[in-house]
């Protein structure tokens, strides 16, 4: 009876990993490295996020 409980493949998780979600709005999001450290070492190496601190703040400074 215990074997029937474990032989139900429809209740198991799929063996493949889920598809990673894309970052459609990455250019609109300020890079966390710029936010925390003031610069990003991956800016020239393919970091997909925005590295302009004035654009990423969305007008908060323009008061």
PDB file of N, CA and C in Angstrom:
ATOM      1  N   UNK A   1       0.816  -1.186   0.000  1.00  0.00           N
ATOM      2  CA  UNK A   1       0.000   0.000   0.000  1.00  0.00           C
ATOM      3  C   UNK A   1       0.870   1.264   0.000  1.00  0.00           C
ATOM      4  N   UNK A   2       2.000   1.247   0.625  1.00  0.00           N
ATOM      5  CA  UNK A   2       2.879   2.409   0.637  1.00  0.00           C
ATOM      6  C   UNK A   2       3.471   2.675  -0.738  1.00  0.00           C
ATOM      7  N   UNK A   3       3.652   1.633  -1.544  1.00  0.00           N
ATOM      8  CA  UNK A   3       4.236   1.802  -2.874  1.00  0.00           C
ATOM      9  C   UNK A   3       3.291   2.547  -3.808  1.00  0.00           C
ATOM     10  N   UNK A   4       2.005   2.429  -3.639  1.00  0.00           N
ATOM     11  CA  UNK A   4       1.065   3.125  -4.515  1.00  0.00           C
ATOM     12  C   UNK A   4       1.092   4.628  -4.278  1.00  0.00           C
ATOM     13  N   UNK A   5       1.441   5.030  -3.096  1.00  0.00           N
ATOM     14  CA  UNK A   5       1.494   6.456  -2.806  1.00  0.00           C
ATOM     15  C   UNK A   5       2.654   7.140  -3.536  1.00  0.00           C
ATOM     16  N   UNK A   6       3.759   6.457  -3.747  1.00  0.00           N
ATOM     17  CA  UNK A   6       4.927   7.048  -4.382  1.00  0.00           C
ATOM     18  C   UNK A   6       4.975   6.834  -5.880  1.00  0.00           C
ATOM     19  N   UNK A   7       4.076   6.069  -6.454  1.00  0.00           N
ATOM     20  CA  UNK A   7       4.090   5.791  -7.885  1.00  0.00           C
ATOM     21  C   UNK A   7       3.100   6.664  -8.647  1.00  0.00           C
ATOM     22  N   UNK A   8       2.852   7.845  -8.200  1.00  0.00           N
ATOM     23  CA  UNK A   8       1.949   8.759  -8.881  1.00  0.00           C
ATOM     24  C   UNK A   8       2.765   9.887  -9.500  1.00  0.00           C
ATOM     25  N   UNK A   9       3.178   9.737 -10.769  1.00  0.00           N
ATOM     26  CA  UNK A   9       4.056  10.750 -11.374  1.00  0.00           C
ATOM     27  C   UNK A   9       3.393  12.105 -11.557  1.00  0.00           C
ATOM     28  N   UNK A  10       2.065  12.176 -11.620  1.00  0.00           N
ATOM     29  CA  UNK A  10       1.419  13.467 -11.821  1.00  0.00           C
ATOM     30  C   UNK A  10       1.522  14.365 -10.587  1.00  0.00           C
ATOM     31  N   UNK A  11       1.846  13.801  -9.425  1.00  0.00           N
ATOM     32  CA  UNK A  11       1.985  14.605  -8.221  1.00  0.00           C
ATOM     33  C   UNK A  11       3.421  15.068  -7.989  1.00  0.00           C
ATOM     34  N   UNK A  12       4.354  14.554  -8.757  1.00  0.00           N
ATOM     35  CA  UNK A  12       5.754  14.935  -8.602  1.00  0.00           C
ATOM     36  C   UNK A  12       6.036  16.256  -9.296  1.00  0.00           C
ATOM     37  N   UNK A  13       7.100  16.882  -8.879  1.00  0.00           N
ATOM     38  CA  UNK A  13       7.544  18.105  -9.548  1.00  0.00           C
ATOM     39  C   UNK A  13       8.164  17.752 -10.891  1.00  0.00           C
ATOM     40  N   UNK A  14       8.098  18.648 -11.846  1.00  0.00           N
ATOM     41  CA  UNK A  14       8.769  18.379 -13.126  1.00  0.00           C
ATOM     42  C   UNK A  14      10.282  18.328 -12.928  1.00  0.00           C
ATOM     43  N   UNK A  15      10.948  17.488 -13.722  1.00  0.00           N
ATOM     44  CA  UNK A  15      12.389  17.312 -13.557  1.00  0.00           C
ATOM     45  C   UNK A  15      13.179  18.483 -14.122  1.00  0.00           C
ATOM     46  N   UNK A  16      12.629  19.200 -15.083  1.00  0.00           N
ATOM     47  CA  UNK A  16      13.355  20.333 -15.645  1.00  0.00           C
ATOM     48  C   UNK A  16      13.127  21.577 -14.794  1.00  0.00           C
ATOM     49  N   UNK A  17      14.091  22.470 -14.809  1.00  0.00           N
ATOM     50  CA  UNK A  17      13.959  23.705 -14.054  1.00  0.00           C
ATOM     51  C   UNK A  17      13.025  24.656 -14.793  1.00  0.00           C
ATOM     52  N   UNK A  18      12.376  25.560 -14.088  1.00  0.00           N
ATOM     53  CA  UNK A  18      11.491  26.510 -14.770  1.00  0.00           C
ATOM     54  C   UNK A  18      12.289  27.457 -15.645  1.00  0.00           C
ATOM     55  N   UNK A  19      11.640  27.952 -16.650  1.00  0.00           N
ATOM     56  CA  UNK A  19      12.299  28.869 -17.575  1.00  0.00           C
ATOM     57  C   UNK A  19      12.577  30.191 -16.871  1.00  0.00           C
ATOM     58  N   UNK A  20      13.788  30.708 -16.963  1.00  0.00           N
ATOM     59  CA  UNK A  20      14.088  31.974 -16.285  1.00  0.00           C
ATOM     60  C   UNK A  20      13.289  33.129 -16.878  1.00  0.00           C
ATOM     61  N   UNK A  21      12.873  34.028 -16.031  1.00  0.00           N
ATOM     62  CA  UNK A  21      12.091  35.174 -16.484  1.00  0.00           C
ATOM     63  C   UNK A  21      13.015  36.224 -17.081  1.00  0.00           C
ATOM     64  N   UNK A  22      12.582  36.796 -18.173  1.00  0.00           N
ATOM     65  CA  UNK A  22      13.373  37.839 -18.814  1.00  0.00           C
ATOM     66  C   UNK A  22      13.219  39.164 -18.099  1.00  0.00           C
ATOM     67  N   UNK A  23      14.114  40.054 -18.350  1.00  0.00           N
ATOM     68  CA  UNK A  23      14.041  41.386 -17.752  1.00  0.00           C
ATOM     69  C   UNK A  23      13.756  42.382 -18.859  1.00  0.00           C
ATOM     70  N   UNK A  24      12.466  42.561 -19.145  1.00  0.00           N
ATOM     71  CA  UNK A  24      12.071  43.462 -20.221  1.00  0.00           C
ATOM     72  C   UNK A  24      12.359  44.911 -19.860  1.00  0.00           C
ATOM     73  N   UNK A  25      12.199  45.270 -18.606  1.00  0.00           N
ATOM     74  CA  UNK A  25      12.358  46.661 -18.182  1.00  0.00           C
ATOM     75  C   UNK A  25      13.687  46.891 -17.467  1.00  0.00           C
ATOM     76  N   UNK A  26      14.709  46.122 -17.785  1.00  0.00           N
ATOM     77  CA  UNK A  26      15.990  46.245 -17.089  1.00  0.00           C
ATOM     78  C   UNK A  26      16.641  47.595 -17.352  1.00  0.00           C
ATOM     79  N   UNK A  27      16.473  48.146 -18.549  1.00  0.00           N
ATOM     80  CA  UNK A  27      17.087  49.440 -18.853  1.00  0.00           C
ATOM     81  C   UNK A  27      16.428  50.580 -18.085  1.00  0.00           C
ATOM     82  N   UNK A  28      15.238  50.364 -17.577  1.00  0.00           N
ATOM     83  CA  UNK A  28      14.559  51.390 -16.787  1.00  0.00           C
ATOM     84  C   UNK A  28      14.872  51.269 -15.297  1.00  0.00           C
ATOM     85  N   UNK A  29      15.481  50.169 -14.890  1.00  0.00           N
ATOM     86  CA  UNK A  29      15.762  49.917 -13.485  1.00  0.00           C
ATOM     87  C   UNK A  29      17.202  50.297 -13.170  1.00  0.00           C
ATOM     88  N   UNK A  30      17.392  51.094 -12.144  1.00  0.00           N
ATOM     89  CA  UNK A  30      18.736  51.502 -11.746  1.00  0.00           C
ATOM     90  C   UNK A  30      19.499  50.296 -11.207  1.00  0.00           C
ATOM     91  N   UNK A  31      20.733  50.158 -11.637  1.00  0.00           N
ATOM     92  CA  UNK A  31      21.589  49.055 -11.207  1.00  0.00           C
ATOM     93  C   UNK A  31      21.817  49.145  -9.697  1.00  0.00           C
ATOM     94  N   UNK A  32      21.695  48.036  -9.001  1.00  0.00           N
ATOM     95  CA  UNK A  32      21.886  48.040  -7.551  1.00  0.00           C
ATOM     96  C   UNK A  32      23.307  48.405  -7.158  1.00  0.00           C
ATOM     97  N   UNK A  33      24.267  48.018  -7.988  1.00  0.00           N
ATOM     98  CA  UNK A  33      25.658  48.366  -7.678  1.00  0.00           C
ATOM     99  C   UNK A  33      25.855  49.877  -7.696  1.00  0.00           C
ATOM    100  N   UNK A  34      25.215  50.561  -8.636  1.00  0.00           N
ATOM    101  CA  UNK A  34      25.295  52.024  -8.687  1.00  0.00           C
ATOM    102  C   UNK A  34      24.599  52.616  -7.472  1.00  0.00           C
ATOM    103  N   UNK A  35      23.481  52.046  -7.101  1.00  0.00           N
ATOM    104  CA  UNK A  35      22.724  52.547  -5.957  1.00  0.00           C
ATOM    105  C   UNK A  35      23.505  52.386  -4.656  1.00  0.00           C
ATOM    106  N   UNK A  36      24.158  51.245  -4.478  1.00  0.00           N
ATOM    107  CA  UNK A  36      24.858  50.961  -3.227  1.00  0.00           C
ATOM    108  C   UNK A  36      26.269  51.540  -3.207  1.00  0.00           C
ATOM    109  N   UNK A  37      27.037  51.268  -4.261  1.00  0.00           N
ATOM    110  CA  UNK A  37      28.458  51.614  -4.264  1.00  0.00           C
ATOM    111  C   UNK A  37      28.797  52.864  -5.062  1.00  0.00           C
ATOM    112  N   UNK A  38      27.872  53.322  -5.905  1.00  0.00           N
ATOM    113  CA  UNK A  38      28.137  54.497  -6.717  1.00  0.00           C
ATOM    114  C   UNK A  38      28.694  54.180  -8.090  1.00  0.00           C
ATOM    115  N   UNK A  39      29.017  52.917  -8.350  1.00  0.00           N
ATOM    116  CA  UNK A  39      29.511  52.493  -9.660  1.00  0.00           C
ATOM    117  C   UNK A  39      29.224  50.998  -9.835  1.00  0.00           C
ATOM    118  N   UNK A  40      29.345  50.531 -11.056  1.00  0.00           N
ATOM    119  CA  UNK A  40      29.128  49.111 -11.358  1.00  0.00           C
ATOM    120  C   UNK A  40      30.323  48.593 -12.141  1.00  0.00           C
ATOM    121  N   UNK A  41      30.969  47.587 -11.637  1.00  0.00           N
ATOM    122  CA  UNK A  41      32.138  47.037 -12.330  1.00  0.00           C
ATOM    123  C   UNK A  41      31.749  46.250 -13.572  1.00  0.00           C
ATOM    124  N   UNK A  42      30.469  45.900 -13.716  1.00  0.00           N
ATOM    125  CA  UNK A  42      30.005  45.123 -14.865  1.00  0.00           C
ATOM    126  C   UNK A  42      29.319  45.977 -15.920  1.00  0.00           C
ATOM    127  N   UNK A  43      29.382  47.286 -15.772  1.00  0.00           N
ATOM    128  CA  UNK A  43      28.712  48.186 -16.714  1.00  0.00           C
ATOM    129  C   UNK A  43      29.200  47.973 -18.144  1.00  0.00           C
ATOM    130  N   UNK A  44      30.487  47.800 -18.333  1.00  0.00           N
ATOM    131  CA  UNK A  44      31.053  47.599 -19.665  1.00  0.00           C
ATOM    132  C   UNK A  44      31.123  46.130 -20.056  1.00  0.00           C
ATOM    133  N   UNK A  45      30.678  45.244 -19.180  1.00  0.00           N
ATOM    134  CA  UNK A  45      30.776  43.813 -19.440  1.00  0.00           C
ATOM    135  C   UNK A  45      29.415  43.155 -19.599  1.00  0.00           C
ATOM    136  N   UNK A  46      28.379  43.926 -19.875  1.00  0.00           N
ATOM    137  CA  UNK A  46      27.082  43.349 -20.174  1.00  0.00           C
ATOM    138  C   UNK A  46      26.019  43.471 -19.106  1.00  0.00           C
ATOM    139  N   UNK A  47      26.202  44.303 -18.110  1.00  0.00           N
ATOM    140  CA  UNK A  47      25.149  44.511 -17.118  1.00  0.00           C
ATOM    141  C   UNK A  47      23.954  45.146 -17.813  1.00  0.00           C
ATOM    142  N   UNK A  48      22.782  44.546 -17.647  1.00  0.00           N
ATOM    143  CA  UNK A  48      21.598  44.954 -18.399  1.00  0.00           C
ATOM    144  C   UNK A  48      20.850  46.119 -17.765  1.00  0.00           C
ATOM    145  N   UNK A  49      21.287  46.591 -16.621  1.00  0.00           N
ATOM    146  CA  UNK A  49      20.540  47.619 -15.915  1.00  0.00           C
ATOM    147  C   UNK A  49      21.047  49.014 -16.244  1.00  0.00           C
ATOM    148  N   UNK A  50      20.276  50.015 -15.843  1.00  0.00           N
ATOM    149  CA  UNK A  50      20.586  51.414 -16.109  1.00  0.00           C
ATOM    150  C   UNK A  50      21.688  51.880 -15.159  1.00  0.00           C
ATOM    151  N   UNK A  51      22.679  52.584 -15.700  1.00  0.00           N
ATOM    152  CA  UNK A  51      23.798  53.049 -14.890  1.00  0.00           C
ATOM    153  C   UNK A  51      23.847  54.561 -14.757  1.00  0.00           C
ATOM    154  N   UNK A  52      22.810  55.256 -15.196  1.00  0.00           N
ATOM    155  CA  UNK A  52      22.724  56.707 -15.049  1.00  0.00           C
ATOM    156  C   UNK A  52      21.926  57.000 -13.781  1.00  0.00           C
ATOM    157  N   UNK A  53      22.566  57.428 -12.700  1.00  0.00           N
ATOM    158  CA  UNK A  53      21.841  57.617 -11.442  1.00  0.00           C
ATOM    159  C   UNK A  53      20.765  58.689 -11.518  1.00  0.00           C
ATOM    160  N   UNK A  54      20.914  59.689 -12.390  1.00  0.00           N
ATOM    161  CA  UNK A  54      19.894  60.734 -12.500  1.00  0.00           C
ATOM    162  C   UNK A  54      18.639  60.213 -13.178  1.00  0.00           C
ATOM    163  N   UNK A  55      18.775  59.329 -14.143  1.00  0.00           N
ATOM    164  CA  UNK A  55      17.620  58.781 -14.840  1.00  0.00           C
ATOM    165  C   UNK A  55      16.891  57.752 -13.981  1.00  0.00           C
ATOM    166  N   UNK A  56      17.611  56.979 -13.199  1.00  0.00           N
ATOM    167  CA  UNK A  56      17.022  55.902 -12.414  1.00  0.00           C
ATOM    168  C   UNK A  56      16.209  56.370 -11.229  1.00  0.00           C
ATOM    169  N   UNK A  57      16.452  57.579 -10.742  1.00  0.00           N
ATOM    170  CA  UNK A  57      15.724  58.063  -9.577  1.00  0.00           C
ATOM    171  C   UNK A  57      14.340  58.585  -9.921  1.00  0.00           C
ATOM    172  N   UNK A  58      14.065  58.770 -11.191  1.00  0.00           N
ATOM    173  CA  UNK A  58      12.718  59.136 -11.610  1.00  0.00           C
ATOM    174  C   UNK A  58      12.275  60.519 -11.191  1.00  0.00           C
ATOM    175  N   UNK A  59      13.174  61.481 -11.135  1.00  0.00           N
ATOM    176  CA  UNK A  59      12.783  62.848 -10.832  1.00  0.00           C
ATOM    177  C   UNK A  59      12.690  63.172  -9.358  1.00  0.00           C
ATOM    178  N   UNK A  60      13.206  62.360  -8.500  1.00  0.00           N
ATOM    179  CA  UNK A  60      13.155  62.640  -7.069  1.00  0.00           C
ATOM    180  C   UNK A  60      14.039  63.841  -6.732  1.00  0.00           C
ATOM    181  N   UNK A  61      15.141  64.002  -7.438  1.00  0.00           N
ATOM    182  CA  UNK A  61      16.083  65.088  -7.162  1.00  0.00           C
ATOM    183  C   UNK A  61      15.556  66.429  -7.681  1.00  0.00           C
ATOM    184  N   UNK A  62      14.664  66.418  -8.664  1.00  0.00           N
ATOM    185  CA  UNK A  62      14.182  67.636  -9.319  1.00  0.00           C
ATOM    186  C   UNK A  62      13.156  68.396  -8.486  1.00  0.00           C
ATOM    187  N   UNK A  63      13.302  68.495  -7.199  1.00  0.00           N
ATOM    188  CA  UNK A  63      12.311  69.187  -6.377  1.00  0.00           C
ATOM    189  C   UNK A  63      12.650  70.627  -6.202  1.00  0.00           C
TER     190      UNK A  63
END
